[in-house]
Amino acid sequence: MKIKKGDYVVVITGDDASSSPKLVLQVLSGGQKMIVQGVNQVYKHVKRGHPKSPSGGRLQMEMPIQSSNVMYYCQNCQKPTRLGFRYDDEGAKFRYCKKCDASCGEPISPKRAKYAKAGN
């Protein structure tokens, strides 16, 4: 999966669809689902003595959504976009924005020099 924890995404379908970017809090089950801040919120009723709510009541929490319902939000071009992968000259794999061609984050694996496109 190309979207990771800490990325900003835009929800494109569903009840919480909007054009404002939201933060990814957690990626679940191999990247197929993710928990996004402020999206798909539900109430969980808890009894007294619960660690998060000792007095009991209703806890508001986010539930997972499908990763197909979100798009990565590029900080450089300020638009939702798709991501691609590239290798630099040292063989480090990194993500890039397909609209503005800018790098998105740090390199993933600098050890794999044999997959570098320079010379192969």
PDB file of N, CA and C in Angstrom:
ATOM      1  N   MET A   1       0.842  -1.189   0.000  1.00  0.00           N
ATOM      2  CA  MET A   1       0.000   0.000   0.000  1.00  0.00           C
ATOM      3  C   MET A   1       0.877   1.238   0.000  1.00  0.00           C
ATOM      4  N   LYS A   2       0.475   2.227  -0.737  1.00  0.00           N
ATOM      5  CA  LYS A   2       1.292   3.420  -0.886  1.00  0.00           C
ATOM      6  C   LYS A   2       1.024   4.459   0.192  1.00  0.00           C
ATOM      7  N   ILE A   3      -0.148   4.436   0.809  1.00  0.00           N
ATOM      8  CA  ILE A   3      -0.476   5.406   1.862  1.00  0.00           C
ATOM      9  C   ILE A   3      -0.027   4.841   3.195  1.00  0.00           C
ATOM     10  N   LYS A   4       0.609   5.690   3.998  1.00  0.00           N
ATOM     11  CA  LYS A   4       1.159   5.251   5.274  1.00  0.00           C
ATOM     12  C   LYS A   4       0.604   6.091   6.421  1.00  0.00           C
ATOM     13  N   LYS A   5       0.887   5.647   7.632  1.00  0.00           N
ATOM     14  CA  LYS A   5       0.507   6.384   8.825  1.00  0.00           C
ATOM     15  C   LYS A   5       1.206   7.744   8.820  1.00  0.00           C
ATOM     16  N   GLY A   6       0.451   8.801   9.108  1.00  0.00           N
ATOM     17  CA  GLY A   6       1.014  10.140   9.134  1.00  0.00           C
ATOM     18  C   GLY A   6       0.809  10.914   7.847  1.00  0.00           C
ATOM     19  N   ASP A   7       0.337  10.257   6.781  1.00  0.00           N
ATOM     20  CA  ASP A   7       0.052  10.949   5.528  1.00  0.00           C
ATOM     21  C   ASP A   7      -1.280  11.688   5.639  1.00  0.00           C
ATOM     22  N   TYR A   8      -1.458  12.658   4.765  1.00  0.00           N
ATOM     23  CA  TYR A   8      -2.729  13.355   4.662  1.00  0.00           C
ATOM     24  C   TYR A   8      -3.475  12.814   3.456  1.00  0.00           C
ATOM     25  N   VAL A   9      -4.767  12.539   3.634  1.00  0.00           N
ATOM     26  CA  VAL A   9      -5.599  12.002   2.569  1.00  0.00           C
ATOM     27  C   VAL A   9      -6.881  12.825   2.460  1.00  0.00           C
ATOM     28  N   VAL A  10      -7.542  12.697   1.310  1.00  0.00           N
ATOM     29  CA  VAL A  10      -8.842  13.301   1.075  1.00  0.00           C
ATOM     30  C   VAL A  10      -9.826  12.160   0.875  1.00  0.00           C
ATOM     31  N   VAL A  11     -10.942  12.175   1.614  1.00  0.00           N
ATOM     32  CA  VAL A  11     -11.970  11.141   1.477  1.00  0.00           C
ATOM     33  C   VAL A  11     -12.799  11.501   0.246  1.00  0.00           C
ATOM     34  N   ILE A  12     -12.857  10.592  -0.725  1.00  0.00           N
ATOM     35  CA  ILE A  12     -13.509  10.913  -1.995  1.00  0.00           C
ATOM     36  C   ILE A  12     -14.910  10.320  -2.121  1.00  0.00           C
ATOM     37  N   THR A  13     -15.257   9.302  -1.326  1.00  0.00           N
ATOM     38  CA  THR A  13     -16.588   8.719  -1.389  1.00  0.00           C
ATOM     39  C   THR A  13     -17.092   8.440   0.015  1.00  0.00           C
ATOM     40  N   GLY A  14     -18.394   8.229   0.135  1.00  0.00           N
ATOM     41  CA  GLY A  14     -18.988   7.901   1.415  1.00  0.00           C
ATOM     42  C   GLY A  14     -19.611   9.110   2.085  1.00  0.00           C
ATOM     43  N   ASP A  15     -20.095   8.908   3.300  1.00  0.00           N
ATOM     44  CA  ASP A  15     -20.778   9.963   4.042  1.00  0.00           C
ATOM     45  C   ASP A  15     -19.842  11.085   4.462  1.00  0.00           C
ATOM     46  N   ASP A  16     -18.561  10.784   4.639  1.00  0.00           N
ATOM     47  CA  ASP A  16     -17.597  11.776   5.114  1.00  0.00           C
ATOM     48  C   ASP A  16     -16.761  12.370   3.990  1.00  0.00           C
ATOM     49  N   ALA A  17     -17.228  12.286   2.747  1.00  0.00           N
ATOM     50  CA  ALA A  17     -16.471  12.812   1.615  1.00  0.00           C
ATOM     51  C   ALA A  17     -16.359  14.330   1.713  1.00  0.00           C
ATOM     52  N   SER A  18     -15.153  14.839   1.533  1.00  0.00           N
ATOM     53  CA  SER A  18     -14.916  16.279   1.555  1.00  0.00           C
ATOM     54  C   SER A  18     -13.617  16.567   0.821  1.00  0.00           C
ATOM     55  N   SER A  19     -13.358  17.836   0.587  1.00  0.00           N
ATOM     56  CA  SER A  19     -12.126  18.206  -0.113  1.00  0.00           C
ATOM     57  C   SER A  19     -11.015  18.618   0.846  1.00  0.00           C
ATOM     58  N   SER A  20     -11.276  18.590   2.145  1.00  0.00           N
ATOM     59  CA  SER A  20     -10.245  18.977   3.109  1.00  0.00           C
ATOM     60  C   SER A  20      -9.411  17.756   3.498  1.00  0.00           C
ATOM     61  N   PRO A  21      -8.095  17.932   3.623  1.00  0.00           N
ATOM     62  CA  PRO A  21      -7.234  16.795   3.956  1.00  0.00           C
ATOM     63  C   PRO A  21      -7.369  16.379   5.416  1.00  0.00           C
ATOM     64  N   LYS A  22      -7.279  15.082   5.650  1.00  0.00           N
ATOM     65  CA  LYS A  22      -7.346  14.491   6.994  1.00  0.00           C
ATOM     66  C   LYS A  22      -6.105  13.636   7.223  1.00  0.00           C
ATOM     67  N   LEU A  23      -5.739  13.455   8.479  1.00  0.00           N
ATOM     68  CA  LEU A  23      -4.547  12.705   8.864  1.00  0.00           C
ATOM     69  C   LEU A  23      -4.869  11.220   9.017  1.00  0.00           C
ATOM     70  N   VAL A  24      -3.997  10.351   8.489  1.00  0.00           N
ATOM     71  CA  VAL A  24      -4.141   8.908   8.656  1.00  0.00           C
ATOM     72  C   VAL A  24      -3.537   8.538  10.005  1.00  0.00           C
ATOM     73  N   LEU A  25      -4.353   7.955  10.877  1.00  0.00           N
ATOM     74  CA  LEU A  25      -3.895   7.586  12.219  1.00  0.00           C
ATOM     75  C   LEU A  25      -3.297   6.189  12.256  1.00  0.00           C
ATOM     76  N   GLN A  26      -3.853   5.267  11.444  1.00  0.00           N
ATOM     77  CA  GLN A  26      -3.386   3.880  11.489  1.00  0.00           C
ATOM     78  C   GLN A  26      -3.773   3.185  10.189  1.00  0.00           C
ATOM     79  N   VAL A  27      -2.906   2.302   9.702  1.00  0.00           N
ATOM     80  CA  VAL A  27      -3.187   1.487   8.523  1.00  0.00           C
ATOM     81  C   VAL A  27      -3.344   0.054   9.000  1.00  0.00           C
ATOM     82  N   LEU A  28      -4.450  -0.585   8.612  1.00  0.00           N
ATOM     83  CA  LEU A  28      -4.791  -1.913   9.099  1.00  0.00           C
ATOM     84  C   LEU A  28      -4.834  -2.935   7.972  1.00  0.00           C
ATOM     85  N   SER A  29      -4.741  -4.184   8.325  1.00  0.00           N
ATOM     86  CA  SER A  29      -4.926  -5.372   7.477  1.00  0.00           C
ATOM     87  C   SER A  29      -4.257  -5.261   6.117  1.00  0.00           C
ATOM     88  N   GLY A  30      -2.958  -5.058   6.145  1.00  0.00           N
ATOM     89  CA  GLY A  30      -2.177  -5.055   4.921  1.00  0.00           C
ATOM     90  C   GLY A  30      -2.442  -3.875   4.016  1.00  0.00           C
ATOM     91  N   GLY A  31      -2.944  -2.793   4.538  1.00  0.00           N
ATOM     92  CA  GLY A  31      -3.169  -1.602   3.743  1.00  0.00           C
ATOM     93  C   GLY A  31      -4.540  -1.514   3.118  1.00  0.00           C
ATOM     94  N   GLN A  32      -5.410  -2.482   3.368  1.00  0.00           N
ATOM     95  CA  GLN A  32      -6.739  -2.451   2.774  1.00  0.00           C
ATOM     96  C   GLN A  32      -7.696  -1.512   3.511  1.00  0.00           C
ATOM     97  N   LYS A  33      -7.463  -1.292   4.798  1.00  0.00           N
ATOM     98  CA  LYS A  33      -8.306  -0.397   5.586  1.00  0.00           C
ATOM     99  C   LYS A  33      -7.424   0.556   6.367  1.00  0.00           C
ATOM    100  N   MET A  34      -7.975   1.691   6.734  1.00  0.00           N
ATOM    101  CA  MET A  34      -7.221   2.669   7.515  1.00  0.00           C
ATOM    102  C   MET A  34      -8.168   3.465   8.395  1.00  0.00           C
ATOM    103  N   ILE A  35      -7.594   3.979   9.493  1.00  0.00           N
ATOM    104  CA  ILE A  35      -8.338   4.847  10.396  1.00  0.00           C
ATOM    105  C   ILE A  35      -7.874   6.263  10.118  1.00  0.00           C
ATOM    106  N   VAL A  36      -8.841   7.135   9.778  1.00  0.00           N
ATOM    107  CA  VAL A  36      -8.556   8.512   9.414  1.00  0.00           C
ATOM    108  C   VAL A  36      -9.175   9.416  10.470  1.00  0.00           C
ATOM    109  N   GLN A  37      -8.446  10.442  10.875  1.00  0.00           N
ATOM    110  CA  GLN A  37      -8.875  11.335  11.946  1.00  0.00           C
ATOM    111  C   GLN A  37     -10.157  12.067  11.558  1.00  0.00           C
ATOM    112  N   GLY A  38     -11.206  11.906  12.388  1.00  0.00           N
ATOM    113  CA  GLY A  38     -12.465  12.608  12.197  1.00  0.00           C
ATOM    114  C   GLY A  38     -13.376  12.011  11.146  1.00  0.00           C
ATOM    115  N   VAL A  39     -13.075  10.818  10.638  1.00  0.00           N
ATOM    116  CA  VAL A  39     -13.873  10.195   9.592  1.00  0.00           C
ATOM    117  C   VAL A  39     -14.456   8.893  10.117  1.00  0.00           C
ATOM    118  N   ASN A  40     -15.725   8.617   9.770  1.00  0.00           N
ATOM    119  CA  ASN A  40     -16.434   7.393  10.159  1.00  0.00           C
ATOM    120  C   ASN A  40     -16.481   7.246  11.676  1.00  0.00           C
ATOM    121  N   GLN A  41     -16.934   8.299  12.344  1.00  0.00           N
ATOM    122  CA  GLN A  41     -16.994   8.275  13.810  1.00  0.00           C
ATOM    123  C   GLN A  41     -18.261   7.584  14.287  1.00  0.00           C
ATOM    124  N   VAL A  42     -18.115   6.773  15.332  1.00  0.00           N
ATOM    125  CA  VAL A  42     -19.230   6.062  15.943  1.00  0.00           C
ATOM    126  C   VAL A  42     -19.165   6.273  17.451  1.00  0.00           C
ATOM    127  N   TYR A  43     -20.272   5.946  18.120  1.00  0.00           N
ATOM    128  CA  TYR A  43     -20.304   5.983  19.573  1.00  0.00           C
ATOM    129  C   TYR A  43     -20.212   4.571  20.108  1.00  0.00           C
ATOM    130  N   LYS A  44     -19.362   4.372  21.106  1.00  0.00           N
ATOM    131  CA  LYS A  44     -19.255   3.084  21.772  1.00  0.00           C
ATOM    132  C   LYS A  44     -19.727   3.293  23.201  1.00  0.00           C
ATOM    133  N   HIS A  45     -20.725   2.529  23.621  1.00  0.00           N
ATOM    134  CA  HIS A  45     -21.269   2.639  24.966  1.00  0.00           C
ATOM    135  C   HIS A  45     -20.451   1.749  25.900  1.00  0.00           C
ATOM    136  N   VAL A  46     -19.944   2.328  26.981  1.00  0.00           N
ATOM    137  CA  VAL A  46     -19.088   1.588  27.903  1.00  0.00           C
ATOM    138  C   VAL A  46     -19.664   1.655  29.316  1.00  0.00           C
ATOM    139  N   LYS A  47     -19.403   0.605  30.074  1.00  0.00           N
ATOM    140  CA  LYS A  47     -19.830   0.557  31.469  1.00  0.00           C
ATOM    141  C   LYS A  47     -18.860   1.338  32.343  1.00  0.00           C
ATOM    142  N   ARG A  48     -19.256   1.571  33.562  1.00  0.00           N
ATOM    143  CA  ARG A  48     -18.344   2.203  34.522  1.00  0.00           C
ATOM    144  C   ARG A  48     -17.156   1.304  34.769  1.00  0.00           C
ATOM    145  N   GLY A  49     -16.007   1.915  35.005  1.00  0.00           N
ATOM    146  CA  GLY A  49     -14.795   1.159  35.276  1.00  0.00           C
ATOM    147  C   GLY A  49     -13.962   0.896  34.035  1.00  0.00           C
ATOM    148  N   HIS A  50     -14.403   1.358  32.896  1.00  0.00           N
ATOM    149  CA  HIS A  50     -13.619   1.207  31.665  1.00  0.00           C
ATOM    150  C   HIS A  50     -12.382   2.104  31.759  1.00  0.00           C
ATOM    151  N   PRO A  51     -11.202   1.645  31.308  1.00  0.00           N
ATOM    152  CA  PRO A  51      -9.976   2.449  31.455  1.00  0.00           C
ATOM    153  C   PRO A  51     -10.043   3.824  30.788  1.00  0.00           C
ATOM    154  N   LYS A  52     -10.731   3.928  29.644  1.00  0.00           N
ATOM    155  CA  LYS A  52     -10.804   5.214  28.959  1.00  0.00           C
ATOM    156  C   LYS A  52     -11.879   6.125  29.533  1.00  0.00           C
ATOM    157  N   SER A  53     -12.882   5.544  30.159  1.00  0.00           N
ATOM    158  CA  SER A  53     -13.968   6.340  30.735  1.00  0.00           C
ATOM    159  C   SER A  53     -14.411   5.698  32.044  1.00  0.00           C
ATOM    160  N   PRO A  54     -13.774   6.047  33.172  1.00  0.00           N
ATOM    161  CA  PRO A  54     -14.095   5.391  34.444  1.00  0.00           C
ATOM    162  C   PRO A  54     -15.535   5.607  34.898  1.00  0.00           C
ATOM    163  N   SER A  55     -16.151   6.718  34.482  1.00  0.00           N
ATOM    164  CA  SER A  55     -17.519   6.979  34.909  1.00  0.00           C
ATOM    165  C   SER A  55     -18.545   6.378  33.952  1.00  0.00           C
ATOM    166  N   GLY A  56     -18.102   5.754  32.869  1.00  0.00           N
ATOM    167  CA  GLY A  56     -19.019   5.155  31.912  1.00  0.00           C
ATOM    168  C   GLY A  56     -19.542   6.193  30.930  1.00  0.00           C
ATOM    169  N   GLY A  57     -20.427   5.772  30.049  1.00  0.00           N
ATOM    170  CA  GLY A  57     -21.026   6.685  29.089  1.00  0.00           C
ATOM    171  C   GLY A  57     -20.724   6.279  27.661  1.00  0.00           C
ATOM    172  N   ARG A  58     -20.659   7.297  26.783  1.00  0.00           N
ATOM    173  CA  ARG A  58     -20.436   7.051  25.362  1.00  0.00           C
ATOM    174  C   ARG A  58     -19.071   7.583  24.952  1.00  0.00           C
ATOM    175  N   LEU A  59     -18.283   6.745  24.304  1.00  0.00           N
ATOM    176  CA  LEU A  59     -17.001   7.164  23.751  1.00  0.00           C
ATOM    177  C   LEU A  59     -17.175   7.371  22.247  1.00  0.00           C
ATOM    178  N   GLN A  60     -16.682   8.483  21.743  1.00  0.00           N
ATOM    179  CA  GLN A  60     -16.722   8.707  20.310  1.00  0.00           C
ATOM    180  C   GLN A  60     -15.377   8.282  19.740  1.00  0.00           C
ATOM    181  N   MET A  61     -15.408   7.399  18.726  1.00  0.00           N
ATOM    182  CA  MET A  61     -14.173   6.867  18.170  1.00  0.00           C
ATOM    183  C   MET A  61     -14.303   6.698  16.664  1.00  0.00           C
ATOM    184  N   GLU A  62     -13.145   6.652  15.986  1.00  0.00           N
ATOM    185  CA  GLU A  62     -13.120   6.440  14.543  1.00  0.00           C
ATOM    186  C   GLU A  62     -13.048   4.958  14.237  1.00  0.00           C
ATOM    187  N   MET A  63     -13.763   4.547  13.203  1.00  0.00           N
ATOM    188  CA  MET A  63     -13.713   3.171  12.727  1.00  0.00           C
ATOM    189  C   MET A  63     -12.995   3.144  11.377  1.00  0.00           C
ATOM    190  N   PRO A  64     -12.476   1.989  10.968  1.00  0.00           N
ATOM    191  CA  PRO A  64     -11.725   1.910   9.714  1.00  0.00           C
ATOM    192  C   PRO A  64     -12.606   2.153   8.484  1.00  0.00           C
ATOM    193  N   ILE A  65     -11.973   2.684   7.430  1.00  0.00           N
ATOM    194  CA  ILE A  65     -12.621   2.832   6.139  1.00  0.00           C
ATOM    195  C   ILE A  65     -11.744   2.150   5.085  1.00  0.00           C
ATOM    196  N   GLN A  66     -12.321   1.839   3.947  1.00  0.00           N
ATOM    197  CA  GLN A  66     -11.574   1.202   2.869  1.00  0.00           C
ATOM    198  C   GLN A  66     -10.554   2.173   2.282  1.00  0.00           C
ATOM    199  N   SER A  67      -9.405   1.666   1.925  1.00  0.00           N
ATOM    200  CA  SER A  67      -8.368   2.521   1.358  1.00  0.00           C
ATOM    201  C   SER A  67      -8.733   2.993  -0.044  1.00  0.00           C
ATOM    202  N   SER A  68      -9.668   2.329  -0.698  1.00  0.00           N
ATOM    203  CA  SER A  68     -10.091   2.757  -2.031  1.00  0.00           C
ATOM    204  C   SER A  68     -10.951   4.012  -1.974  1.00  0.00           C
ATOM    205  N   ASN A  69     -11.396   4.407  -0.790  1.00  0.00           N
ATOM    206  CA  ASN A  69     -12.248   5.579  -0.636  1.00  0.00           C
ATOM    207  C   ASN A  69     -11.458   6.849  -0.341  1.00  0.00           C
ATOM    208  N   VAL A  70     -10.143   6.781  -0.354  1.00  0.00           N
ATOM    209  CA  VAL A  70      -9.321   7.957  -0.069  1.00  0.00           C
ATOM    210  C   VAL A  70      -8.277   8.151  -1.164  1.00  0.00           C
ATOM    211  N   MET A  71      -7.796   9.387  -1.281  1.00  0.00           N
ATOM    212  CA  MET A  71      -6.689   9.712  -2.183  1.00  0.00           C
ATOM    213  C   MET A  71      -5.639  10.461  -1.390  1.00  0.00           C
ATOM    214  N   TYR A  72      -4.402  10.245  -1.730  1.00  0.00           N
ATOM    215  CA  TYR A  72      -3.286  10.930  -1.088  1.00  0.00           C
ATOM    216  C   TYR A  72      -3.373  12.421  -1.393  1.00  0.00           C
ATOM    217  N   TYR A  73      -3.095  13.266  -0.396  1.00  0.00           N
ATOM    218  CA  TYR A  73      -3.103  14.714  -0.568  1.00  0.00           C
ATOM    219  C   TYR A  73      -1.663  15.197  -0.615  1.00  0.00           C
ATOM    220  N   CYS A  74      -1.265  15.739  -1.767  1.00  0.00           N
ATOM    221  CA  CYS A  74       0.103  16.225  -1.952  1.00  0.00           C
ATOM    222  C   CYS A  74       0.247  17.603  -1.316  1.00  0.00           C
ATOM    223  N   GLN A  75       1.246  17.773  -0.472  1.00  0.00           N
ATOM    224  CA  GLN A  75       1.481  19.045   0.200  1.00  0.00           C
ATOM    225  C   GLN A  75       2.068  20.081  -0.760  1.00  0.00           C
ATOM    226  N   ASN A  76       2.748  19.643  -1.819  1.00  0.00           N
ATOM    227  CA  ASN A  76       3.382  20.578  -2.754  1.00  0.00           C
ATOM    228  C   ASN A  76       2.377  21.206  -3.702  1.00  0.00           C
ATOM    229  N   CYS A  77       1.567  20.383  -4.363  1.00  0.00           N
ATOM    230  CA  CYS A  77       0.623  20.929  -5.341  1.00  0.00           C
ATOM    231  C   CYS A  77      -0.752  21.195  -4.741  1.00  0.00           C
ATOM    232  N   GLN A  78      -0.963  20.862  -3.472  1.00  0.00           N
ATOM    233  CA  GLN A  78      -2.206  21.132  -2.739  1.00  0.00           C
ATOM    234  C   GLN A  78      -3.424  20.488  -3.405  1.00  0.00           C
ATOM    235  N   LYS A  79      -3.253  19.259  -3.924  1.00  0.00           N
ATOM    236  CA  LYS A  79      -4.339  18.552  -4.596  1.00  0.00           C
ATOM    237  C   LYS A  79      -4.304  17.078  -4.222  1.00  0.00           C
ATOM    238  N   PRO A  80      -5.458  16.403  -4.264  1.00  0.00           N
ATOM    239  CA  PRO A  80      -5.437  14.950  -4.132  1.00  0.00           C
ATOM    240  C   PRO A  80      -4.848  14.335  -5.396  1.00  0.00           C
ATOM    241  N   THR A  81      -4.015  13.340  -5.214  1.00  0.00           N
ATOM    242  CA  THR A  81      -3.295  12.772  -6.356  1.00  0.00           C
ATOM    243  C   THR A  81      -3.004  11.297  -6.131  1.00  0.00           C
ATOM    244  N   ARG A  82      -2.505  10.662  -7.173  1.00  0.00           N
ATOM    245  CA  ARG A  82      -2.040   9.291  -7.058  1.00  0.00           C
ATOM    246  C   ARG A  82      -0.545   9.304  -6.788  1.00  0.00           C
ATOM    247  N   LEU A  83      -0.068   8.204  -6.231  1.00  0.00           N
ATOM    248  CA  LEU A  83       1.353   8.078  -5.926  1.00  0.00           C
ATOM    249  C   LEU A  83       1.987   7.034  -6.830  1.00  0.00           C
ATOM    250  N   GLY A  84       3.264   7.212  -7.069  1.00  0.00           N
ATOM    251  CA  GLY A  84       4.043   6.225  -7.797  1.00  0.00           C
ATOM    252  C   GLY A  84       5.328   5.946  -7.043  1.00  0.00           C
ATOM    253  N   PHE A  85       6.056   4.926  -7.493  1.00  0.00           N
ATOM    254  CA  PHE A  85       7.337   4.580  -6.893  1.00  0.00           C
ATOM    255  C   PHE A  85       8.447   4.794  -7.913  1.00  0.00           C
ATOM    256  N   ARG A  86       9.606   5.219  -7.427  1.00  0.00           N
ATOM    257  CA  ARG A  86      10.801   5.385  -8.248  1.00  0.00           C
ATOM    258  C   ARG A  86      12.012   4.937  -7.451  1.00  0.00           C
ATOM    259  N   TYR A  87      13.105   4.734  -8.165  1.00  0.00           N
ATOM    260  CA  TYR A  87      14.389   4.442  -7.540  1.00  0.00           C
ATOM    261  C   TYR A  87      15.339   5.570  -7.896  1.00  0.00           C
ATOM    262  N   ASP A  88      16.130   6.012  -6.917  1.00  0.00           N
ATOM    263  CA  ASP A  88      17.132   7.033  -7.215  1.00  0.00           C
ATOM    264  C   ASP A  88      18.435   6.359  -7.638  1.00  0.00           C
ATOM    265  N   ASP A  89      19.506   7.143  -7.795  1.00  0.00           N
ATOM    266  CA  ASP A  89      20.767   6.608  -8.301  1.00  0.00           C
ATOM    267  C   ASP A  89      21.429   5.614  -7.349  1.00  0.00           C
ATOM    268  N   GLU A  90      21.201   5.778  -6.030  1.00  0.00           N
ATOM    269  CA  GLU A  90      21.781   4.842  -5.065  1.00  0.00           C
ATOM    270  C   GLU A  90      20.936   3.591  -4.884  1.00  0.00           C
ATOM    271  N   GLY A  91      19.763   3.532  -5.514  1.00  0.00           N
ATOM    272  CA  GLY A  91      18.910   2.363  -5.389  1.00  0.00           C
ATOM    273  C   GLY A  91      17.848   2.489  -4.326  1.00  0.00           C
ATOM    274  N   ALA A  92      17.704   3.651  -3.729  1.00  0.00           N
ATOM    275  CA  ALA A  92      16.683   3.837  -2.699  1.00  0.00           C
ATOM    276  C   ALA A  92      15.330   4.066  -3.364  1.00  0.00           C
ATOM    277  N   LYS A  93      14.332   3.368  -2.872  1.00  0.00           N
ATOM    278  CA  LYS A  93      12.980   3.464  -3.419  1.00  0.00           C
ATOM    279  C   LYS A  93      12.238   4.582  -2.683  1.00  0.00           C
ATOM    280  N   PHE A  94      11.515   5.424  -3.422  1.00  0.00           N
ATOM    281  CA  PHE A  94      10.759   6.498  -2.792  1.00  0.00           C
ATOM    282  C   PHE A  94       9.456   6.733  -3.539  1.00  0.00           C
ATOM    283  N   ARG A  95       8.510   7.364  -2.852  1.00  0.00           N
ATOM    284  CA  ARG A  95       7.215   7.685  -3.433  1.00  0.00           C
ATOM    285  C   ARG A  95       7.272   9.070  -4.072  1.00  0.00           C
ATOM    286  N   TYR A  96       6.480   9.275  -5.117  1.00  0.00           N
ATOM    287  CA  TYR A  96       6.421  10.590  -5.741  1.00  0.00           C
ATOM    288  C   TYR A  96       4.993  10.884  -6.185  1.00  0.00           C
ATOM    289  N   CYS A  97       4.673  12.172  -6.263  1.00  0.00           N
ATOM    290  CA  CYS A  97       3.366  12.646  -6.701  1.00  0.00           C
ATOM    291  C   CYS A  97       3.318  12.583  -8.223  1.00  0.00           C
ATOM    292  N   LYS A  98       2.252  12.024  -8.778  1.00  0.00           N
ATOM    293  CA  LYS A  98       2.156  11.892 -10.230  1.00  0.00           C
ATOM    294  C   LYS A  98       1.687  13.178 -10.896  1.00  0.00           C
ATOM    295  N   LYS A  99       1.212  14.162 -10.134  1.00  0.00           N
ATOM    296  CA  LYS A  99       0.803  15.433 -10.734  1.00  0.00           C
ATOM    297  C   LYS A  99       1.958  16.423 -10.807  1.00  0.00           C
ATOM    298  N   CYS A 100       2.639  16.627  -9.681  1.00  0.00           N
ATOM    299  CA  CYS A 100       3.703  17.643  -9.661  1.00  0.00           C
ATOM    300  C   CYS A 100       5.097  17.033  -9.710  1.00  0.00           C
ATOM    301  N   ASP A 101       5.197  15.696  -9.707  1.00  0.00           N
ATOM    302  CA  ASP A 101       6.467  14.988  -9.832  1.00  0.00           C
ATOM    303  C   ASP A 101       7.418  15.240  -8.660  1.00  0.00           C
ATOM    304  N   ALA A 102       6.866  15.592  -7.492  1.00  0.00           N
ATOM    305  CA  ALA A 102       7.684  15.857  -6.312  1.00  0.00           C
ATOM    306  C   ALA A 102       7.790  14.602  -5.448  1.00  0.00           C
ATOM    307  N   SER A 103       8.875  14.478  -4.718  1.00  0.00           N
ATOM    308  CA  SER A 103       9.083  13.360  -3.809  1.00  0.00           C
ATOM    309  C   SER A 103       8.161  13.497  -2.599  1.00  0.00           C
ATOM    310  N   CYS A 104       7.599  12.381  -2.142  1.00  0.00           N
ATOM    311  CA  CYS A 104       6.676  12.373  -1.006  1.00  0.00           C
ATOM    312  C   CYS A 104       7.275  11.543   0.116  1.00  0.00           C
ATOM    313  N   GLY A 105       8.018  12.173   0.989  1.00  0.00           N
ATOM    314  CA  GLY A 105       8.579  11.467   2.121  1.00  0.00           C
ATOM    315  C   GLY A 105      10.007  11.020   1.897  1.00  0.00           C
ATOM    316  N   GLU A 106      10.465  10.178   2.806  1.00  0.00           N
ATOM    317  CA  GLU A 106      11.843   9.705   2.797  1.00  0.00           C
ATOM    318  C   GLU A 106      11.964   8.417   1.981  1.00  0.00           C
ATOM    319  N   PRO A 107      13.173   8.064   1.572  1.00  0.00           N
ATOM    320  CA  PRO A 107      13.372   6.802   0.852  1.00  0.00           C
ATOM    321  C   PRO A 107      12.947   5.607   1.696  1.00  0.00           C
ATOM    322  N   ILE A 108      12.488   4.565   1.029  1.00  0.00           N
ATOM    323  CA  ILE A 108      11.965   3.395   1.727  1.00  0.00           C
ATOM    324  C   ILE A 108      13.057   2.382   2.029  1.00  0.00           C
ATOM    325  N   SER A 109      13.849   2.010   1.035  1.00  0.00           N
ATOM    326  CA  SER A 109      14.860   0.975   1.258  1.00  0.00           C
ATOM    327  C   SER A 109      16.151   1.320   0.522  1.00  0.00           C
ATOM    328  N   PRO A 110      17.105   1.961   1.171  1.00  0.00           N
ATOM    329  CA  PRO A 110      18.331   2.318   0.481  1.00  0.00           C
ATOM    330  C   PRO A 110      19.271   1.134   0.237  1.00  0.00           C
ATOM    331  N   LYS A 111      18.968  -0.050   0.729  1.00  0.00           N
ATOM    332  CA  LYS A 111      19.858  -1.201   0.598  1.00  0.00           C
ATOM    333  C   LYS A 111      19.794  -1.845  -0.785  1.00  0.00           C
ATOM    334  N   ARG A 112      18.727  -1.648  -1.514  1.00  0.00           N
ATOM    335  CA  ARG A 112      18.490  -2.410  -2.733  1.00  0.00           C
ATOM    336  C   ARG A 112      19.073  -1.708  -3.951  1.00  0.00           C
ATOM    337  N   ALA A 113      20.370  -1.632  -4.016  1.00  0.00           N
ATOM    338  CA  ALA A 113      21.044  -0.936  -5.118  1.00  0.00           C
ATOM    339  C   ALA A 113      20.929  -1.688  -6.432  1.00  0.00           C
ATOM    340  N   LYS A 114      20.651  -2.976  -6.413  1.00  0.00           N
ATOM    341  CA  LYS A 114      20.592  -3.739  -7.655  1.00  0.00           C
ATOM    342  C   LYS A 114      19.359  -3.394  -8.499  1.00  0.00           C
ATOM    343  N   TYR A 115      18.347  -2.734  -7.883  1.00  0.00           N
ATOM    344  CA  TYR A 115      17.165  -2.360  -8.618  1.00  0.00           C
ATOM    345  C   TYR A 115      17.210  -0.938  -9.160  1.00  0.00           C
ATOM    346  N   ALA A 116      18.331  -0.283  -9.013  1.00  0.00           N
ATOM    347  CA  ALA A 116      18.463   1.089  -9.520  1.00  0.00           C
ATOM    348  C   ALA A 116      18.380   1.090 -11.035  1.00  0.00           C
ATOM    349  N   LYS A 117      17.759   2.094 -11.592  1.00  0.00           N
ATOM    350  CA  LYS A 117      17.589   2.160 -13.037  1.00  0.00           C
ATOM    351  C   LYS A 117      18.838   2.649 -13.748  1.00  0.00           C
ATOM    352  N   ALA A 118      19.817   3.126 -13.022  1.00  0.00           N
ATOM    353  CA  ALA A 118      21.054   3.601 -13.642  1.00  0.00           C
ATOM    354  C   ALA A 118      21.871   2.410 -14.108  1.00  0.00           C
ATOM    355  N   GLY A 119      21.901   2.179 -15.415  1.00  0.00           N
ATOM    356  CA  GLY A 119      22.735   1.132 -15.958  1.00  0.00           C
ATOM    357  C   GLY A 119      22.049  -0.207 -16.131  1.00  0.00           C
ATOM    358  N   ASN A 120      20.878  -0.437 -15.555  1.00  0.00           N
ATOM    359  CA  ASN A 120      20.208  -1.739 -15.685  1.00  0.00           C
ATOM    360  C   ASN A 120      19.101  -1.669 -16.694  1.00  0.00           C
TER     361      ASN A 120
END
